[in-house]
Amino acid sequence: MNHVSRTSLSIAALLTLIAGGFLIQFTMADESIPSSESTAETVSECASACGLPSHVDLSSDRFPVFRSDAEWQDRLTEIQYHVARKQGTERAFANPYNDNKETGLYRCVGCDTPLFSSTTKFNSGTGWPSFFTPIDKRTLGETRDVSYGMNRVEVHCAVCGSHQGHVFPDGPEPTGLRYCINSASLTFEAAESAEAIKKLVEAWYHQAN
């Protein structure tokens, strides 16, 4: 079986599992959540935890979309490759989506999988795009990360294994979670409304199937 066939079948299998009992029931709020109340000390601690790279191994071929290292380097920019494929991080505040207030869909930079909606984005004050929930938790994998003497939860795209960031239990309601995500791991597609975002996600699921 060639590379393209393997990828197509694997994505179809993954989406079949996701679609079972799901049928595009997205977790997206109607309005963006305002900034969470945080002390300067808490924000400083959050930024420190977000600013350190991850040391989990995501290089295996267990993900539906698999590319060689050379293919990834050819597909991504230097910073995208460093963050998404080498579990690095980018500078706080000096990244394109931290201050992005547009309505739209955030996709994985590695495979275009819809991961986050602007309707769940909030200003954490840490300098990185922050969301209180992904669109579908089954497309966002989690791995325990104990590097630097910390106990963090690394998050990555479950379709291609691209490192996204970390999730922390200090976010706003309704989930209490803060997905601290690197802009370099994402692409952004503007949309007119939350309903338009939902249609973009539905289109991706239908196309992938």
C-alpha atoms as a PDB file:
ATOM      1  CA  MET A   1       0.000   0.000   0.000  1.00  0.00           C
ATOM      2  CA  ASN A   2       1.492   3.365  -0.955  1.00  0.00           C
ATOM      3  CA  HIS A   3       1.875   6.364   1.357  1.00  0.00           C
ATOM      4  CA  VAL A   4      -1.186   8.244   0.046  1.00  0.00           C
ATOM      5  CA  SER A   5      -3.474   5.214   0.330  1.00  0.00           C
ATOM      6  CA  ARG A   6      -2.266   4.504   3.861  1.00  0.00           C
ATOM      7  CA  THR A   7      -2.928   8.081   4.925  1.00  0.00           C
ATOM      8  CA  SER A   8      -6.389   8.226   3.345  1.00  0.00           C
ATOM      9  CA  LEU A   9      -7.531   4.954   4.881  1.00  0.00           C
ATOM     10  CA  SER A  10      -6.151   5.865   8.299  1.00  0.00           C
ATOM     11  CA  ILE A  11      -7.929   9.225   8.349  1.00  0.00           C
ATOM     12  CA  ALA A  12     -11.163   7.583   7.214  1.00  0.00           C
ATOM     13  CA  ALA A  13     -10.872   5.016   9.998  1.00  0.00           C
ATOM     14  CA  LEU A  14     -10.227   7.713  12.594  1.00  0.00           C
ATOM     15  CA  LEU A  15     -13.140   9.823  11.417  1.00  0.00           C
ATOM     16  CA  THR A  16     -15.448   6.804  11.430  1.00  0.00           C
ATOM     17  CA  LEU A  17     -14.674   6.300  15.110  1.00  0.00           C
ATOM     18  CA  ILE A  18     -15.167   9.987  15.838  1.00  0.00           C
ATOM     19  CA  ALA A  19     -18.430  10.169  13.916  1.00  0.00           C
ATOM     20  CA  GLY A  20     -19.945   7.231  15.801  1.00  0.00           C
ATOM     21  CA  GLY A  21     -22.347   8.754  18.302  1.00  0.00           C
ATOM     22  CA  PHE A  22     -20.908  12.195  17.596  1.00  0.00           C
ATOM     23  CA  LEU A  23     -22.243  13.464  14.276  1.00  0.00           C
ATOM     24  CA  ILE A  24     -20.547  16.836  14.389  1.00  0.00           C
ATOM     25  CA  GLN A  25     -21.662  18.001  17.829  1.00  0.00           C
ATOM     26  CA  PHE A  26     -19.052  20.693  18.204  1.00  0.00           C
ATOM     27  CA  THR A  27     -18.083  22.275  21.488  1.00  0.00           C
ATOM     28  CA  MET A  28     -18.190  25.925  20.514  1.00  0.00           C
ATOM     29  CA  ALA A  29     -19.470  28.835  22.559  1.00  0.00           C
ATOM     30  CA  ASP A  30     -21.742  31.449  21.033  1.00  0.00           C
ATOM     31  CA  GLU A  31     -19.558  34.304  22.230  1.00  0.00           C
ATOM     32  CA  SER A  32     -15.881  34.661  23.051  1.00  0.00           C
ATOM     33  CA  ILE A  33     -15.000  34.396  26.735  1.00  0.00           C
ATOM     34  CA  PRO A  34     -13.583  37.573  28.295  1.00  0.00           C
ATOM     35  CA  SER A  35     -10.157  37.658  29.912  1.00  0.00           C
ATOM     36  CA  SER A  36      -9.854  35.471  32.995  1.00  0.00           C
ATOM     37  CA  GLU A  37      -8.984  37.185  36.252  1.00  0.00           C
ATOM     38  CA  SER A  38      -5.373  36.354  37.161  1.00  0.00           C
ATOM     39  CA  THR A  39      -2.812  37.756  39.562  1.00  0.00           C
ATOM     40  CA  ALA A  40       0.569  38.875  38.232  1.00  0.00           C
ATOM     41  CA  GLU A  41       2.190  35.953  40.054  1.00  0.00           C
ATOM     42  CA  THR A  42      -0.185  33.415  38.492  1.00  0.00           C
ATOM     43  CA  VAL A  43       0.348  34.808  34.994  1.00  0.00           C
ATOM     44  CA  SER A  44       4.107  34.678  35.501  1.00  0.00           C
ATOM     45  CA  GLU A  45       3.932  31.033  36.582  1.00  0.00           C
ATOM     46  CA  CYS A  46       1.686  30.198  33.615  1.00  0.00           C
ATOM     47  CA  ALA A  47       4.039  31.870  31.165  1.00  0.00           C
ATOM     48  CA  SER A  48       7.009  29.990  32.600  1.00  0.00           C
ATOM     49  CA  ALA A  49       5.257  26.652  32.148  1.00  0.00           C
ATOM     50  CA  CYS A  50       4.098  27.507  28.616  1.00  0.00           C
ATOM     51  CA  GLY A  51       7.476  28.876  27.555  1.00  0.00           C
ATOM     52  CA  LEU A  52       9.408  25.666  28.091  1.00  0.00           C
ATOM     53  CA  PRO A  53       9.567  23.165  25.210  1.00  0.00           C
ATOM     54  CA  SER A  54       8.214  19.642  25.523  1.00  0.00           C
ATOM     55  CA  HIS A  55      10.323  16.502  25.653  1.00  0.00           C
ATOM     56  CA  VAL A  56       7.746  13.873  24.710  1.00  0.00           C
ATOM     57  CA  ASP A  57       8.383  11.603  21.743  1.00  0.00           C
ATOM     58  CA  LEU A  58       5.841  12.110  18.964  1.00  0.00           C
ATOM     59  CA  SER A  59       8.027  10.821  16.150  1.00  0.00           C
ATOM     60  CA  SER A  60       6.441   7.397  15.689  1.00  0.00           C
ATOM     61  CA  ASP A  61       4.214   6.385  12.759  1.00  0.00           C
ATOM     62  CA  ARG A  62       1.197   5.670  14.955  1.00  0.00           C
ATOM     63  CA  PHE A  63      -0.662   8.715  13.641  1.00  0.00           C
ATOM     64  CA  PRO A  64      -3.012   8.464  10.626  1.00  0.00           C
ATOM     65  CA  VAL A  65      -1.037  11.094   8.698  1.00  0.00           C
ATOM     66  CA  PHE A  66       2.624  10.100   8.515  1.00  0.00           C
ATOM     67  CA  ARG A  67       5.398  11.983   6.731  1.00  0.00           C
ATOM     68  CA  SER A  68       9.153  11.577   6.759  1.00  0.00           C
ATOM     69  CA  ASP A  69      11.263  14.183   8.523  1.00  0.00           C
ATOM     70  CA  ALA A  70      12.399  15.492   5.157  1.00  0.00           C
ATOM     71  CA  GLU A  71       8.789  15.863   4.028  1.00  0.00           C
ATOM     72  CA  TRP A  72       7.918  17.795   7.176  1.00  0.00           C
ATOM     73  CA  GLN A  73      10.858  20.144   6.707  1.00  0.00           C
ATOM     74  CA  ASP A  74       9.815  20.755   3.121  1.00  0.00           C
ATOM     75  CA  ARG A  75       6.173  21.384   4.097  1.00  0.00           C
ATOM     76  CA  LEU A  76       6.701  23.677   7.095  1.00  0.00           C
ATOM     77  CA  THR A  77       8.575  26.891   7.787  1.00  0.00           C
ATOM     78  CA  GLU A  78      11.558  26.775  10.139  1.00  0.00           C
ATOM     79  CA  ILE A  79       9.572  27.931  13.187  1.00  0.00           C
ATOM     80  CA  GLN A  80       6.622  25.673  12.344  1.00  0.00           C
ATOM     81  CA  TYR A  81       8.932  22.671  12.046  1.00  0.00           C
ATOM     82  CA  HIS A  82      10.747  23.562  15.287  1.00  0.00           C
ATOM     83  CA  VAL A  83       7.503  23.828  17.259  1.00  0.00           C
ATOM     84  CA  ALA A  84       5.161  21.315  15.629  1.00  0.00           C
ATOM     85  CA  ARG A  85       7.647  18.547  14.852  1.00  0.00           C
ATOM     86  CA  LYS A  86      10.437  19.088  17.402  1.00  0.00           C
ATOM     87  CA  GLN A  87       8.147  20.032  20.325  1.00  0.00           C
ATOM     88  CA  GLY A  88       9.679  23.471  20.633  1.00  0.00           C
ATOM     89  CA  THR A  89       8.007  26.727  21.587  1.00  0.00           C
ATOM     90  CA  GLU A  90       7.802  30.277  20.277  1.00  0.00           C
ATOM     91  CA  ARG A  91       8.287  33.650  21.937  1.00  0.00           C
ATOM     92  CA  ALA A  92       5.485  34.893  24.154  1.00  0.00           C
ATOM     93  CA  PHE A  93       3.460  37.791  22.705  1.00  0.00           C
ATOM     94  CA  ALA A  94       5.638  37.823  19.541  1.00  0.00           C
ATOM     95  CA  ASN A  95       3.460  35.342  17.650  1.00  0.00           C
ATOM     96  CA  PRO A  96       0.643  36.017  15.159  1.00  0.00           C
ATOM     97  CA  TYR A  97      -2.406  34.581  16.919  1.00  0.00           C
ATOM     98  CA  ASN A  98      -1.961  35.718  20.516  1.00  0.00           C
ATOM     99  CA  ASP A  99      -3.785  38.981  19.840  1.00  0.00           C
ATOM    100  CA  ASN A 100      -5.974  37.698  17.013  1.00  0.00           C
ATOM    101  CA  LYS A 101      -9.575  38.685  17.762  1.00  0.00           C
ATOM    102  CA  GLU A 102     -11.062  37.672  14.413  1.00  0.00           C
ATOM    103  CA  THR A 103     -13.836  35.097  14.209  1.00  0.00           C
ATOM    104  CA  GLY A 104     -12.663  31.912  12.596  1.00  0.00           C
ATOM    105  CA  LEU A 105     -11.255  28.403  12.708  1.00  0.00           C
ATOM    106  CA  TYR A 106      -7.828  27.325  13.945  1.00  0.00           C
ATOM    107  CA  ARG A 107      -6.454  24.255  12.153  1.00  0.00           C
ATOM    108  CA  CYS A 108      -3.420  22.053  12.717  1.00  0.00           C
ATOM    109  CA  VAL A 109      -0.494  23.373  10.674  1.00  0.00           C
ATOM    110  CA  GLY A 110       0.549  19.832   9.819  1.00  0.00           C
ATOM    111  CA  CYS A 111      -2.642  18.393   8.346  1.00  0.00           C
ATOM    112  CA  ASP A 112      -5.426  21.053   8.411  1.00  0.00           C
ATOM    113  CA  THR A 113      -7.456  19.210  11.069  1.00  0.00           C
ATOM    114  CA  PRO A 114      -9.864  21.661  12.775  1.00  0.00           C
ATOM    115  CA  LEU A 115      -8.701  21.978  16.388  1.00  0.00           C
ATOM    116  CA  PHE A 116      -9.998  25.205  17.942  1.00  0.00           C
ATOM    117  CA  SER A 117     -12.705  27.796  17.376  1.00  0.00           C
ATOM    118  CA  SER A 118     -12.271  31.515  18.014  1.00  0.00           C
ATOM    119  CA  THR A 119     -15.447  31.322  20.109  1.00  0.00           C
ATOM    120  CA  THR A 120     -13.518  29.414  22.795  1.00  0.00           C
ATOM    121  CA  LYS A 121     -10.415  31.648  22.706  1.00  0.00           C
ATOM    122  CA  PHE A 122      -9.670  33.933  25.652  1.00  0.00           C
ATOM    123  CA  ASN A 123      -6.924  36.302  26.773  1.00  0.00           C
ATOM    124  CA  SER A 124      -4.893  34.434  29.387  1.00  0.00           C
ATOM    125  CA  GLY A 125      -2.254  37.150  29.634  1.00  0.00           C
ATOM    126  CA  THR A 126       0.507  34.587  29.058  1.00  0.00           C
ATOM    127  CA  GLY A 127       1.423  35.632  25.525  1.00  0.00           C
ATOM    128  CA  TRP A 128       0.175  32.561  23.663  1.00  0.00           C
ATOM    129  CA  PRO A 129      -3.214  31.776  22.069  1.00  0.00           C
ATOM    130  CA  SER A 130      -5.362  30.215  24.779  1.00  0.00           C
ATOM    131  CA  PHE A 131      -8.599  28.247  24.471  1.00  0.00           C
ATOM    132  CA  PHE A 132     -10.856  26.713  27.100  1.00  0.00           C
ATOM    133  CA  THR A 133     -11.763  23.690  24.956  1.00  0.00           C
ATOM    134  CA  PRO A 134     -10.897  22.105  21.602  1.00  0.00           C
ATOM    135  CA  ILE A 135     -13.550  21.517  18.942  1.00  0.00           C
ATOM    136  CA  ASP A 136     -13.340  17.758  19.457  1.00  0.00           C
ATOM    137  CA  LYS A 137     -11.150  16.254  22.189  1.00  0.00           C
ATOM    138  CA  ARG A 138     -10.701  13.107  20.120  1.00  0.00           C
ATOM    139  CA  THR A 139      -8.626  14.973  17.555  1.00  0.00           C
ATOM    140  CA  LEU A 140      -6.321  16.380  20.256  1.00  0.00           C
ATOM    141  CA  GLY A 141      -4.081  13.825  21.944  1.00  0.00           C
ATOM    142  CA  GLU A 142      -2.514  14.229  25.389  1.00  0.00           C
ATOM    143  CA  THR A 143       0.828  13.003  26.734  1.00  0.00           C
ATOM    144  CA  ARG A 144       2.277  13.391  30.225  1.00  0.00           C
ATOM    145  CA  ASP A 145       5.312  15.688  30.132  1.00  0.00           C
ATOM    146  CA  VAL A 146       7.621  15.621  33.197  1.00  0.00           C
ATOM    147  CA  SER A 147      10.499  17.594  31.693  1.00  0.00           C
ATOM    148  CA  TYR A 148      12.111  20.435  33.676  1.00  0.00           C
ATOM    149  CA  GLY A 149      10.847  18.942  36.928  1.00  0.00           C
ATOM    150  CA  MET A 150       7.259  19.881  36.048  1.00  0.00           C
ATOM    151  CA  ASN A 151       4.196  17.706  35.684  1.00  0.00           C
ATOM    152  CA  ARG A 152       2.528  19.044  32.551  1.00  0.00           C
ATOM    153  CA  VAL A 153       0.083  17.664  29.987  1.00  0.00           C
ATOM    154  CA  GLU A 154       1.355  18.055  26.430  1.00  0.00           C
ATOM    155  CA  VAL A 155      -1.279  18.257  23.666  1.00  0.00           C
ATOM    156  CA  HIS A 156      -0.810  17.328  20.018  1.00  0.00           C
ATOM    157  CA  CYS A 157      -2.868  16.755  16.890  1.00  0.00           C
ATOM    158  CA  ALA A 158      -4.174  13.186  17.028  1.00  0.00           C
ATOM    159  CA  VAL A 159      -4.224  13.001  13.229  1.00  0.00           C
ATOM    160  CA  CYS A 160      -0.594  13.882  12.419  1.00  0.00           C
ATOM    161  CA  GLY A 161       1.136  14.134  15.797  1.00  0.00           C
ATOM    162  CA  SER A 162       2.095  17.793  15.495  1.00  0.00           C
ATOM    163  CA  HIS A 163       2.886  19.299  18.902  1.00  0.00           C
ATOM    164  CA  GLN A 164       0.435  22.069  19.824  1.00  0.00           C
ATOM    165  CA  GLY A 165       1.284  23.094  23.385  1.00  0.00           C
ATOM    166  CA  HIS A 166       0.077  22.169  26.873  1.00  0.00           C
ATOM    167  CA  VAL A 167      -3.201  22.160  28.772  1.00  0.00           C
ATOM    168  CA  PHE A 168      -3.484  23.496  32.332  1.00  0.00           C
ATOM    169  CA  PRO A 169      -6.313  23.343  34.913  1.00  0.00           C
ATOM    170  CA  ASP A 170      -6.414  27.108  35.451  1.00  0.00           C
ATOM    171  CA  GLY A 171      -8.725  28.279  32.691  1.00  0.00           C
ATOM    172  CA  PRO A 172     -12.110  30.021  32.769  1.00  0.00           C
ATOM    173  CA  GLU A 173     -15.549  28.465  33.010  1.00  0.00           C
ATOM    174  CA  PRO A 174     -17.221  26.393  31.718  1.00  0.00           C
ATOM    175  CA  THR A 175     -14.308  23.920  31.527  1.00  0.00           C
ATOM    176  CA  GLY A 176     -11.721  25.383  33.883  1.00  0.00           C
ATOM    177  CA  LEU A 177      -9.056  24.429  31.332  1.00  0.00           C
ATOM    178  CA  ARG A 178      -6.478  26.518  29.502  1.00  0.00           C
ATOM    179  CA  TYR A 179      -5.078  25.105  26.289  1.00  0.00           C
ATOM    180  CA  CYS A 180      -1.861  27.089  25.833  1.00  0.00           C
ATOM    181  CA  ILE A 181      -1.164  26.674  22.102  1.00  0.00           C
ATOM    182  CA  ASN A 182       1.658  27.827  19.859  1.00  0.00           C
ATOM    183  CA  SER A 183       0.678  30.011  16.901  1.00  0.00           C
ATOM    184  CA  ALA A 184       3.319  28.166  14.865  1.00  0.00           C
ATOM    185  CA  SER A 185       1.318  24.946  15.262  1.00  0.00           C
ATOM    186  CA  LEU A 186      -1.823  26.513  13.826  1.00  0.00           C
ATOM    187  CA  THR A 187      -3.251  28.080  10.714  1.00  0.00           C
ATOM    188  CA  PHE A 188      -6.260  30.398  10.847  1.00  0.00           C
ATOM    189  CA  GLU A 189      -9.254  30.609   8.528  1.00  0.00           C
ATOM    190  CA  ALA A 190     -11.512  33.624   9.016  1.00  0.00           C
ATOM    191  CA  ALA A 191     -15.282  33.076   9.158  1.00  0.00           C
ATOM    192  CA  GLU A 192     -18.279  35.365   9.439  1.00  0.00           C
ATOM    193  CA  SER A 193     -19.882  33.690  12.461  1.00  0.00           C
ATOM    194  CA  ALA A 194     -19.873  30.709  14.807  1.00  0.00           C
ATOM    195  CA  GLU A 195     -22.298  28.988  12.441  1.00  0.00           C
ATOM    196  CA  ALA A 196     -19.876  29.569   9.557  1.00  0.00           C
ATOM    197  CA  ILE A 197     -17.091  27.979  11.621  1.00  0.00           C
ATOM    198  CA  LYS A 198     -19.279  24.961  12.236  1.00  0.00           C
ATOM    199  CA  LYS A 199     -19.886  24.597   8.494  1.00  0.00           C
ATOM    200  CA  LEU A 200     -16.141  24.707   7.827  1.00  0.00           C
ATOM    201  CA  VAL A 201     -15.578  21.910  10.325  1.00  0.00           C
ATOM    202  CA  GLU A 202     -18.438  19.850   8.899  1.00  0.00           C
ATOM    203  CA  ALA A 203     -16.996  20.291   5.415  1.00  0.00           C
ATOM    204  CA  TRP A 204     -13.625  18.982   6.609  1.00  0.00           C
ATOM    205  CA  TYR A 205     -15.218  15.875   8.150  1.00  0.00           C
ATOM    206  CA  HIS A 206     -17.241  15.151   5.013  1.00  0.00           C
ATOM    207  CA  GLN A 207     -14.260  15.702   2.723  1.00  0.00           C
ATOM    208  CA  ALA A 208     -11.988  13.480   4.835  1.00  0.00           C
ATOM    209  CA  ASN A 209     -14.586  10.707   4.761  1.00  0.00           C
END
